[in-house]
Amino acid sequence: MRILPALILPLAALTLSGCLAKTVVDVATLPVRAAGKAVDLATTSQSEADEKRGREIRRREERLAKLERRYDDEREDCRKGDRSACDDARTTYAEIEALLPTIPVEPED
């Protein structure tokens, strides 16, 4: 019966020494990994910046399309004699003019 603990003890010591070595390495590299993660979170990659810019451009394009539809409706009402629609059309057109420079022009192929 005494032979079994005598065999298990050296095996356990070898196994635990590996675990301890790994723990020491993990503890030593923890600050480096934490700093790297912080840098990743603090910086924006080029692809992330491109995606954000694309979303913003699409948002402006959608806003422009909505304004153009509203402007067309207001102009139609203005032609029919609605004076307030004429004023609304001028206001909407001013919004369109302010928004147009912020939307990039697509090159024609």
Protein backbone atom coordinates (compact mmCIF):
# COMPACT_ATOMS: atom_id res chain seq x y z
CA MET A 1 0.00 0.00 0.00
CA ARG A 2 2.92 2.34 0.67
CA ILE A 3 4.19 1.88 -2.86
CA LEU A 4 1.19 3.60 -4.48
CA PRO A 5 1.65 6.99 -2.71
CA ALA A 6 5.37 6.77 -3.37
CA LEU A 7 4.69 6.51 -7.12
CA ILE A 8 1.97 9.16 -7.20
CA LEU A 9 3.97 11.77 -5.29
CA PRO A 10 6.77 12.20 -7.92
CA LEU A 11 4.23 12.25 -10.75
CA ALA A 12 2.20 14.88 -8.95
CA ALA A 13 5.31 16.96 -8.35
CA LEU A 14 6.19 16.89 -12.06
CA THR A 15 2.66 17.78 -13.06
CA LEU A 16 2.40 20.59 -10.54
CA SER A 17 5.75 22.05 -11.53
CA GLY A 18 4.43 22.43 -15.07
CA CYS A 19 1.30 24.12 -13.78
CA LEU A 20 3.36 26.43 -11.61
CA ALA A 21 5.63 27.34 -14.51
CA LYS A 22 2.62 28.13 -16.68
CA THR A 23 1.10 30.23 -13.91
CA VAL A 24 4.34 32.20 -13.54
CA VAL A 25 4.41 32.84 -17.30
CA ASP A 26 0.75 33.87 -17.29
CA VAL A 27 1.29 36.30 -14.43
CA ALA A 28 4.40 37.74 -16.08
CA THR A 29 2.70 38.33 -19.44
CA LEU A 30 -0.57 39.65 -18.00
CA PRO A 31 0.45 43.35 -17.99
CA VAL A 32 1.66 43.13 -21.58
CA ARG A 33 -1.57 41.49 -22.75
CA ALA A 34 -3.67 43.99 -20.80
CA ALA A 35 -1.79 46.92 -22.33
CA GLY A 36 -2.21 45.46 -25.82
CA LYS A 37 -5.93 45.01 -25.27
CA ALA A 38 -6.24 48.60 -24.03
CA VAL A 39 -4.47 49.88 -27.14
CA ASP A 40 -6.79 47.82 -29.36
CA LEU A 41 -9.84 49.26 -27.62
CA ALA A 42 -8.52 52.83 -27.73
CA THR A 43 -7.59 52.87 -31.42
CA THR A 44 -9.81 52.58 -34.45
CA SER A 45 -8.61 50.44 -37.32
CA GLN A 46 -8.80 51.74 -40.87
CA SER A 47 -11.56 49.30 -41.74
CA GLU A 48 -13.61 50.42 -38.74
CA ALA A 49 -13.14 54.06 -39.75
CA ASP A 50 -14.19 53.22 -43.33
CA GLU A 51 -17.30 51.43 -42.10
CA LYS A 52 -18.23 54.37 -39.89
CA ARG A 53 -17.72 56.82 -42.76
CA GLY A 54 -19.82 54.63 -45.05
CA ARG A 55 -22.67 54.52 -42.53
CA GLU A 56 -22.56 58.30 -42.15
CA ILE A 57 -22.62 58.84 -45.92
CA ARG A 58 -25.57 56.45 -46.30
CA ARG A 59 -27.41 58.31 -43.53
CA ARG A 60 -26.89 61.62 -45.34
CA GLU A 61 -27.97 60.11 -48.67
CA GLU A 62 -31.17 58.80 -47.09
CA ARG A 63 -31.83 62.23 -45.57
CA LEU A 64 -31.26 63.86 -48.97
CA ALA A 65 -33.67 61.47 -50.69
CA LYS A 66 -36.33 62.19 -48.07
CA LEU A 67 -35.86 65.95 -48.47
CA GLU A 68 -36.07 65.68 -52.27
CA ARG A 69 -39.35 63.76 -52.05
CA ARG A 70 -40.75 66.33 -49.63
CA TYR A 71 -39.54 69.17 -51.86
CA ASP A 72 -41.26 67.64 -54.90
CA ASP A 73 -44.54 67.32 -52.97
CA GLU A 74 -44.31 70.89 -51.70
CA ARG A 75 -43.56 72.24 -55.18
CA GLU A 76 -46.56 70.39 -56.56
CA ASP A 77 -48.78 71.90 -53.85
CA CYS A 78 -47.24 75.31 -54.56
CA ARG A 79 -48.14 75.00 -58.27
CA LYS A 80 -51.71 74.28 -57.21
CA GLY A 81 -51.82 77.63 -55.36
CA ASP A 82 -50.91 76.74 -51.77
CA ARG A 83 -48.78 79.71 -50.60
CA SER A 84 -47.60 78.01 -47.41
CA ALA A 85 -46.35 75.08 -49.51
CA CYS A 86 -44.22 77.57 -51.49
CA ASP A 87 -42.62 78.79 -48.26
CA ASP A 88 -42.11 75.20 -47.10
CA ALA A 89 -40.52 74.33 -50.47
CA ARG A 90 -38.02 77.19 -50.11
CA THR A 91 -37.10 76.01 -46.61
CA THR A 92 -36.71 72.41 -47.78
CA TYR A 93 -34.59 73.52 -50.75
CA ALA A 94 -32.29 75.41 -48.37
CA GLU A 95 -31.85 72.20 -46.34
CA ILE A 96 -31.03 70.30 -49.53
CA GLU A 97 -28.46 72.90 -50.55
CA ALA A 98 -26.81 72.69 -47.11
CA LEU A 99 -26.69 68.88 -47.23
CA LEU A 100 -25.40 68.41 -50.79
CA PRO A 101 -21.75 69.39 -50.14
CA THR A 102 -21.46 66.73 -47.43
CA ILE A 103 -22.28 63.87 -49.82
CA PRO A 104 -19.43 62.63 -52.01
CA VAL A 105 -20.02 62.52 -55.75
CA GLU A 106 -19.85 59.07 -57.33
CA PRO A 107 -17.56 58.98 -60.36
CA GLU A 108 -19.26 58.16 -63.62
CA ASP A 109 -17.85 55.13 -65.47
